[in-house]
């Protein structure tokens, strides 16, 4: 993980936007949130791909012992899909092409809605 960023919701501003690790390297994306005992409310990861894709932004929940709110964001910085990903499930795919996969605590599910515009800023 190279650095921490905030994910601001420009459509519906959040008092405390998600503060997550910006994860664009292969080792970071490979490890993801596997093998962690828990995820705090203010933690998460933003997995970054080179281009919009359904396949490249798919995730698995193997070796992740907790549920996640997963929000997919495209190159235009629009939320294109979201799901509560259950621990130990084999695969989740977005319904539309995305470039970014935001993995955050499930209690933050309502922070981002499909169609919302978002912005990334260094934390």
N, C-alpha and C. Protein backbone atom coordinates (compact mmCIF):
# COMPACT_ATOMS: atom_id res chain seq x y z
N UNK A 1 0.86 -1.17 0.00
CA UNK A 1 0.00 0.00 0.00
C UNK A 1 0.90 1.23 0.00
N UNK A 2 0.70 2.11 -0.98
CA UNK A 2 1.61 3.23 -1.11
C UNK A 2 1.24 4.41 -0.21
N UNK A 3 -0.04 4.75 -0.10
CA UNK A 3 -0.42 5.88 0.75
C UNK A 3 -1.91 5.84 1.07
N UNK A 4 -2.33 6.66 2.01
CA UNK A 4 -3.73 6.73 2.41
C UNK A 4 -4.43 7.87 1.68
N UNK A 5 -5.68 7.62 1.30
CA UNK A 5 -6.49 8.65 0.64
C UNK A 5 -7.88 8.69 1.27
N UNK A 6 -8.58 9.79 1.06
CA UNK A 6 -9.99 9.91 1.42
C UNK A 6 -10.83 9.76 0.15
N UNK A 7 -11.97 9.08 0.28
CA UNK A 7 -12.91 8.94 -0.83
C UNK A 7 -14.10 9.85 -0.52
N UNK A 8 -14.13 11.01 -1.14
CA UNK A 8 -15.20 11.99 -0.91
C UNK A 8 -16.37 11.70 -1.84
N UNK A 9 -17.58 11.76 -1.30
CA UNK A 9 -18.79 11.62 -2.10
C UNK A 9 -19.24 13.02 -2.48
N UNK A 10 -19.12 13.38 -3.75
CA UNK A 10 -19.48 14.72 -4.21
C UNK A 10 -20.99 14.89 -4.34
N UNK A 11 -21.71 13.79 -4.56
CA UNK A 11 -23.16 13.84 -4.71
C UNK A 11 -23.86 14.01 -3.37
N UNK A 12 -23.44 13.24 -2.39
CA UNK A 12 -24.00 13.30 -1.03
C UNK A 12 -22.84 13.35 -0.05
N UNK A 13 -22.34 14.55 0.26
CA UNK A 13 -21.15 14.67 1.11
C UNK A 13 -21.29 13.91 2.43
N UNK A 14 -20.18 13.31 2.84
CA UNK A 14 -20.09 12.51 4.07
C UNK A 14 -19.25 13.30 5.07
N UNK A 15 -19.71 13.35 6.32
CA UNK A 15 -18.97 14.10 7.34
C UNK A 15 -17.56 13.53 7.53
N UNK A 16 -17.45 12.21 7.56
CA UNK A 16 -16.15 11.55 7.72
C UNK A 16 -15.97 10.57 6.55
N UNK A 17 -15.43 11.05 5.41
CA UNK A 17 -15.29 10.16 4.25
C UNK A 17 -14.33 9.00 4.55
N UNK A 18 -14.50 7.94 3.80
CA UNK A 18 -13.64 6.76 3.97
C UNK A 18 -12.18 7.14 3.77
N UNK A 19 -11.32 6.65 4.67
CA UNK A 19 -9.87 6.83 4.59
C UNK A 19 -9.27 5.44 4.37
N UNK A 20 -8.74 5.24 3.18
CA UNK A 20 -8.35 3.89 2.77
C UNK A 20 -6.96 3.88 2.16
N UNK A 21 -6.40 2.70 2.08
CA UNK A 21 -5.12 2.52 1.42
C UNK A 21 -5.30 2.48 -0.08
N UNK A 22 -4.45 3.22 -0.79
CA UNK A 22 -4.45 3.24 -2.26
C UNK A 22 -3.58 2.08 -2.71
N UNK A 23 -4.18 1.10 -3.38
CA UNK A 23 -3.54 -0.17 -3.66
C UNK A 23 -3.48 -0.40 -5.17
N UNK A 24 -2.34 -0.05 -5.79
CA UNK A 24 -2.24 -0.20 -7.24
C UNK A 24 -1.13 -1.16 -7.69
N UNK A 25 -0.40 -1.75 -6.75
CA UNK A 25 0.65 -2.70 -7.13
C UNK A 25 0.09 -4.13 -7.07
N UNK A 26 0.69 -5.01 -7.84
CA UNK A 26 0.24 -6.41 -7.85
C UNK A 26 0.30 -7.05 -6.47
N UNK A 27 1.41 -6.92 -5.72
CA UNK A 27 1.44 -7.56 -4.39
C UNK A 27 0.35 -7.02 -3.45
N UNK A 28 0.11 -5.73 -3.50
CA UNK A 28 -0.92 -5.14 -2.64
C UNK A 28 -2.30 -5.68 -3.00
N UNK A 29 -2.61 -5.72 -4.29
CA UNK A 29 -3.91 -6.22 -4.73
C UNK A 29 -4.04 -7.72 -4.45
N UNK A 30 -2.96 -8.46 -4.60
CA UNK A 30 -2.99 -9.90 -4.33
C UNK A 30 -3.31 -10.16 -2.87
N UNK A 31 -2.70 -9.45 -1.97
CA UNK A 31 -2.93 -9.64 -0.53
C UNK A 31 -4.28 -9.09 -0.11
N UNK A 32 -4.64 -7.90 -0.60
CA UNK A 32 -5.92 -7.30 -0.24
C UNK A 32 -6.13 -7.28 1.25
N UNK A 33 -7.29 -7.74 1.69
CA UNK A 33 -7.62 -7.76 3.11
C UNK A 33 -7.62 -9.19 3.67
N UNK A 34 -7.01 -10.12 2.94
CA UNK A 34 -6.94 -11.49 3.42
C UNK A 34 -6.11 -11.58 4.70
N UNK A 35 -6.49 -12.53 5.54
CA UNK A 35 -5.76 -12.91 6.75
C UNK A 35 -5.79 -11.85 7.85
N UNK A 36 -6.54 -10.78 7.69
CA UNK A 36 -6.67 -9.80 8.77
C UNK A 36 -7.73 -10.29 9.74
N UNK A 37 -7.53 -10.08 11.04
CA UNK A 37 -8.53 -10.56 12.00
C UNK A 37 -9.82 -9.75 11.99
N UNK A 38 -9.73 -8.46 11.64
CA UNK A 38 -10.91 -7.60 11.63
C UNK A 38 -10.62 -6.36 10.79
N UNK A 39 -11.66 -5.57 10.54
CA UNK A 39 -11.54 -4.32 9.81
C UNK A 39 -12.24 -3.24 10.61
N UNK A 40 -11.52 -2.20 10.98
CA UNK A 40 -12.10 -1.10 11.74
C UNK A 40 -13.01 -0.27 10.82
N UNK A 41 -13.93 0.47 11.43
CA UNK A 41 -14.89 1.28 10.68
C UNK A 41 -14.21 2.28 9.75
N UNK A 42 -13.04 2.77 10.13
CA UNK A 42 -12.35 3.79 9.33
C UNK A 42 -11.22 3.22 8.47
N UNK A 43 -11.22 1.90 8.24
CA UNK A 43 -10.18 1.28 7.42
C UNK A 43 -10.76 0.74 6.12
N UNK A 44 -9.89 0.48 5.17
CA UNK A 44 -10.30 -0.13 3.92
C UNK A 44 -9.21 -0.04 2.88
N UNK A 45 -9.53 -0.50 1.68
CA UNK A 45 -8.60 -0.47 0.55
C UNK A 45 -9.32 0.01 -0.70
N UNK A 46 -8.57 0.71 -1.54
CA UNK A 46 -9.02 1.05 -2.88
C UNK A 46 -8.10 0.31 -3.85
N UNK A 47 -8.64 -0.72 -4.50
CA UNK A 47 -7.88 -1.50 -5.48
C UNK A 47 -8.00 -0.81 -6.83
N UNK A 48 -6.86 -0.52 -7.45
CA UNK A 48 -6.82 0.30 -8.66
C UNK A 48 -6.32 -0.53 -9.85
N UNK A 49 -7.09 -0.51 -10.93
CA UNK A 49 -6.71 -1.18 -12.18
C UNK A 49 -6.30 -0.14 -13.22
N UNK A 50 -5.70 -0.58 -14.31
CA UNK A 50 -5.24 0.33 -15.36
C UNK A 50 -6.37 0.84 -16.26
N UNK A 51 -7.47 0.05 -16.34
CA UNK A 51 -8.59 0.44 -17.20
C UNK A 51 -9.88 -0.13 -16.63
N UNK A 52 -11.00 0.37 -17.13
CA UNK A 52 -12.31 -0.15 -16.72
C UNK A 52 -12.47 -1.59 -17.19
N UNK A 53 -12.98 -2.45 -16.31
CA UNK A 53 -13.19 -3.86 -16.65
C UNK A 53 -14.07 -4.49 -15.57
N UNK A 54 -14.90 -5.42 -15.98
CA UNK A 54 -15.66 -6.20 -15.00
C UNK A 54 -14.77 -7.30 -14.42
N UNK A 55 -14.02 -7.97 -15.29
CA UNK A 55 -13.20 -9.10 -14.86
C UNK A 55 -12.07 -8.65 -13.93
N UNK A 56 -11.33 -7.62 -14.34
CA UNK A 56 -10.17 -7.18 -13.56
C UNK A 56 -10.55 -6.62 -12.19
N UNK A 57 -11.78 -6.15 -12.04
CA UNK A 57 -12.19 -5.59 -10.75
C UNK A 57 -13.03 -6.56 -9.92
N UNK A 58 -13.13 -7.81 -10.38
CA UNK A 58 -13.81 -8.82 -9.58
C UNK A 58 -12.97 -9.11 -8.34
N UNK A 59 -13.63 -9.58 -7.29
CA UNK A 59 -12.92 -9.89 -6.04
C UNK A 59 -13.35 -11.28 -5.56
N UNK A 60 -12.55 -11.84 -4.68
CA UNK A 60 -12.96 -13.04 -3.95
C UNK A 60 -12.89 -12.70 -2.46
N UNK A 61 -13.55 -13.49 -1.66
CA UNK A 61 -13.55 -13.27 -0.21
C UNK A 61 -12.93 -14.45 0.53
N UNK A 62 -12.18 -15.29 -0.17
CA UNK A 62 -11.49 -16.40 0.48
C UNK A 62 -10.42 -15.85 1.41
N UNK A 63 -10.35 -16.38 2.61
CA UNK A 63 -9.40 -15.97 3.64
C UNK A 63 -9.67 -14.56 4.18
N UNK A 64 -10.87 -14.03 3.92
CA UNK A 64 -11.30 -12.76 4.51
C UNK A 64 -12.39 -13.14 5.52
N UNK A 65 -12.11 -13.05 6.84
CA UNK A 65 -13.03 -13.57 7.85
C UNK A 65 -14.14 -12.60 8.29
N UNK A 66 -14.39 -11.57 7.50
CA UNK A 66 -15.44 -10.59 7.83
C UNK A 66 -16.08 -10.11 6.54
N UNK A 67 -17.31 -9.61 6.64
CA UNK A 67 -18.02 -9.08 5.48
C UNK A 67 -17.46 -7.70 5.12
N UNK A 68 -17.66 -7.28 3.87
CA UNK A 68 -17.20 -5.98 3.38
C UNK A 68 -18.30 -5.30 2.59
N UNK A 69 -18.32 -3.98 2.64
CA UNK A 69 -19.07 -3.20 1.66
C UNK A 69 -18.10 -2.98 0.50
N UNK A 70 -18.50 -3.40 -0.69
CA UNK A 70 -17.65 -3.25 -1.87
C UNK A 70 -18.36 -2.32 -2.83
N UNK A 71 -17.65 -1.24 -3.20
CA UNK A 71 -18.20 -0.22 -4.10
C UNK A 71 -17.30 -0.15 -5.32
N UNK A 72 -17.89 -0.31 -6.51
CA UNK A 72 -17.12 -0.23 -7.75
C UNK A 72 -17.31 1.14 -8.38
N UNK A 73 -16.20 1.73 -8.83
CA UNK A 73 -16.17 3.09 -9.36
C UNK A 73 -15.48 3.05 -10.72
N UNK A 74 -16.05 3.75 -11.72
CA UNK A 74 -15.44 3.74 -13.05
C UNK A 74 -14.47 4.90 -13.23
N UNK A 75 -13.86 4.99 -14.40
CA UNK A 75 -12.87 6.03 -14.70
C UNK A 75 -13.46 7.44 -14.60
N UNK A 76 -14.77 7.57 -14.83
CA UNK A 76 -15.44 8.87 -14.72
C UNK A 76 -15.72 9.24 -13.27
N UNK A 77 -15.26 8.40 -12.33
CA UNK A 77 -15.44 8.63 -10.89
C UNK A 77 -16.91 8.53 -10.46
N UNK A 78 -17.63 7.62 -11.12
CA UNK A 78 -19.03 7.37 -10.82
C UNK A 78 -19.16 5.98 -10.21
N UNK A 79 -19.92 5.86 -9.13
CA UNK A 79 -20.20 4.56 -8.53
C UNK A 79 -21.10 3.78 -9.50
N UNK A 80 -20.63 2.61 -9.95
CA UNK A 80 -21.39 1.82 -10.93
C UNK A 80 -22.05 0.59 -10.32
N UNK A 81 -21.62 0.18 -9.14
CA UNK A 81 -22.23 -0.98 -8.49
C UNK A 81 -21.74 -1.04 -7.05
N UNK A 82 -22.46 -1.80 -6.23
CA UNK A 82 -22.04 -2.03 -4.85
C UNK A 82 -22.70 -3.29 -4.34
N UNK A 83 -22.06 -3.91 -3.35
CA UNK A 83 -22.56 -5.16 -2.79
C UNK A 83 -22.00 -5.32 -1.38
N UNK A 84 -22.74 -6.05 -0.54
CA UNK A 84 -22.16 -6.52 0.72
C UNK A 84 -21.57 -7.89 0.41
N UNK A 85 -20.25 -7.95 0.43
CA UNK A 85 -19.54 -9.19 0.12
C UNK A 85 -19.40 -10.00 1.42
N UNK A 86 -19.89 -11.22 1.37
CA UNK A 86 -19.86 -12.10 2.54
C UNK A 86 -18.53 -12.84 2.63
N UNK A 87 -18.05 -13.01 3.85
CA UNK A 87 -16.77 -13.68 4.05
C UNK A 87 -16.78 -15.08 3.46
N UNK A 88 -15.62 -15.48 2.94
CA UNK A 88 -15.36 -16.81 2.42
C UNK A 88 -16.15 -17.16 1.16
N UNK A 89 -16.72 -16.18 0.45
CA UNK A 89 -17.42 -16.46 -0.80
C UNK A 89 -16.42 -16.42 -1.96
N UNK A 90 -16.65 -17.23 -3.00
CA UNK A 90 -15.63 -17.35 -4.04
C UNK A 90 -15.46 -16.14 -4.96
N UNK A 91 -16.53 -15.42 -5.33
CA UNK A 91 -16.32 -14.34 -6.30
C UNK A 91 -17.49 -13.36 -6.32
N UNK A 92 -17.12 -12.11 -6.56
CA UNK A 92 -18.08 -11.03 -6.79
C UNK A 92 -17.60 -10.23 -8.00
N UNK A 93 -18.52 -9.94 -8.91
CA UNK A 93 -18.23 -9.17 -10.11
C UNK A 93 -19.14 -7.94 -10.14
N UNK A 94 -18.63 -6.78 -10.56
CA UNK A 94 -19.53 -5.62 -10.72
C UNK A 94 -20.46 -5.83 -11.90
N UNK A 95 -21.61 -5.17 -11.87
CA UNK A 95 -22.58 -5.27 -12.97
C UNK A 95 -22.15 -4.46 -14.18
N UNK A 96 -21.22 -3.52 -13.98
CA UNK A 96 -20.71 -2.67 -15.06
C UNK A 96 -19.20 -2.58 -14.95
N UNK A 97 -18.55 -2.17 -16.04
CA UNK A 97 -17.10 -1.98 -16.01
C UNK A 97 -16.72 -0.95 -14.94
N UNK A 98 -15.63 -1.23 -14.26
CA UNK A 98 -15.12 -0.33 -13.23
C UNK A 98 -13.60 -0.33 -13.29
N UNK A 99 -13.01 0.71 -12.75
CA UNK A 99 -11.55 0.79 -12.64
C UNK A 99 -11.10 0.66 -11.19
N UNK A 100 -11.95 1.05 -10.26
CA UNK A 100 -11.62 1.08 -8.84
C UNK A 100 -12.57 0.18 -8.06
N UNK A 101 -12.02 -0.55 -7.10
CA UNK A 101 -12.81 -1.38 -6.20
C UNK A 101 -12.55 -0.91 -4.78
N UNK A 102 -13.55 -0.33 -4.16
CA UNK A 102 -13.44 0.18 -2.79
C UNK A 102 -13.95 -0.89 -1.84
N UNK A 103 -13.10 -1.33 -0.92
CA UNK A 103 -13.47 -2.32 0.08
C UNK A 103 -13.43 -1.64 1.44
N UNK A 104 -14.60 -1.52 2.07
CA UNK A 104 -14.71 -0.81 3.35
C UNK A 104 -15.61 -1.60 4.31
N UNK A 105 -15.66 -1.13 5.54
CA UNK A 105 -16.48 -1.75 6.58
C UNK A 105 -17.94 -1.76 6.14
N UNK A 106 -18.67 -2.84 6.39
CA UNK A 106 -20.06 -2.92 5.93
C UNK A 106 -20.98 -1.86 6.54
N UNK A 107 -20.63 -1.31 7.69
CA UNK A 107 -21.44 -0.24 8.29
C UNK A 107 -21.39 1.05 7.47
N UNK A 108 -20.48 1.13 6.50
CA UNK A 108 -20.37 2.31 5.63
C UNK A 108 -21.14 2.12 4.33
N UNK A 109 -21.97 1.10 4.24
CA UNK A 109 -22.75 0.75 3.05
C UNK A 109 -23.52 1.95 2.50
N UNK A 110 -24.12 2.75 3.33
CA UNK A 110 -24.95 3.87 2.88
C UNK A 110 -24.15 5.10 2.45
N UNK A 111 -22.84 5.11 2.66
CA UNK A 111 -22.01 6.28 2.33
C UNK A 111 -21.94 6.55 0.83
N UNK A 112 -22.09 5.52 0.01
CA UNK A 112 -21.94 5.65 -1.44
C UNK A 112 -23.08 4.90 -2.13
N UNK A 113 -23.74 5.56 -3.07
CA UNK A 113 -24.86 4.97 -3.81
C UNK A 113 -24.51 4.89 -5.30
N UNK A 114 -25.12 3.96 -6.01
CA UNK A 114 -24.91 3.84 -7.45
C UNK A 114 -25.31 5.16 -8.11
N UNK A 115 -24.44 5.68 -8.95
CA UNK A 115 -24.66 6.97 -9.61
C UNK A 115 -23.97 8.13 -8.94
N UNK A 116 -23.52 7.97 -7.69
CA UNK A 116 -22.81 9.05 -7.00
C UNK A 116 -21.49 9.34 -7.68
N UNK A 117 -21.09 10.60 -7.68
CA UNK A 117 -19.76 11.02 -8.13
C UNK A 117 -18.86 11.09 -6.91
N UNK A 118 -17.64 10.60 -7.06
CA UNK A 118 -16.68 10.60 -5.95
C UNK A 118 -15.38 11.29 -6.37
N UNK A 119 -14.57 11.57 -5.38
CA UNK A 119 -13.27 12.22 -5.61
C UNK A 119 -12.28 11.63 -4.62
N UNK A 120 -11.05 11.39 -5.08
CA UNK A 120 -9.98 10.90 -4.23
C UNK A 120 -9.07 12.05 -3.85
N UNK A 121 -8.73 12.14 -2.57
CA UNK A 121 -7.79 13.15 -2.07
C UNK A 121 -6.84 12.49 -1.10
N UNK A 122 -5.58 12.92 -1.14
CA UNK A 122 -4.60 12.40 -0.19
C UNK A 122 -5.07 12.69 1.24
N UNK A 123 -4.88 11.72 2.12
CA UNK A 123 -5.29 11.87 3.52
C UNK A 123 -4.25 12.66 4.29
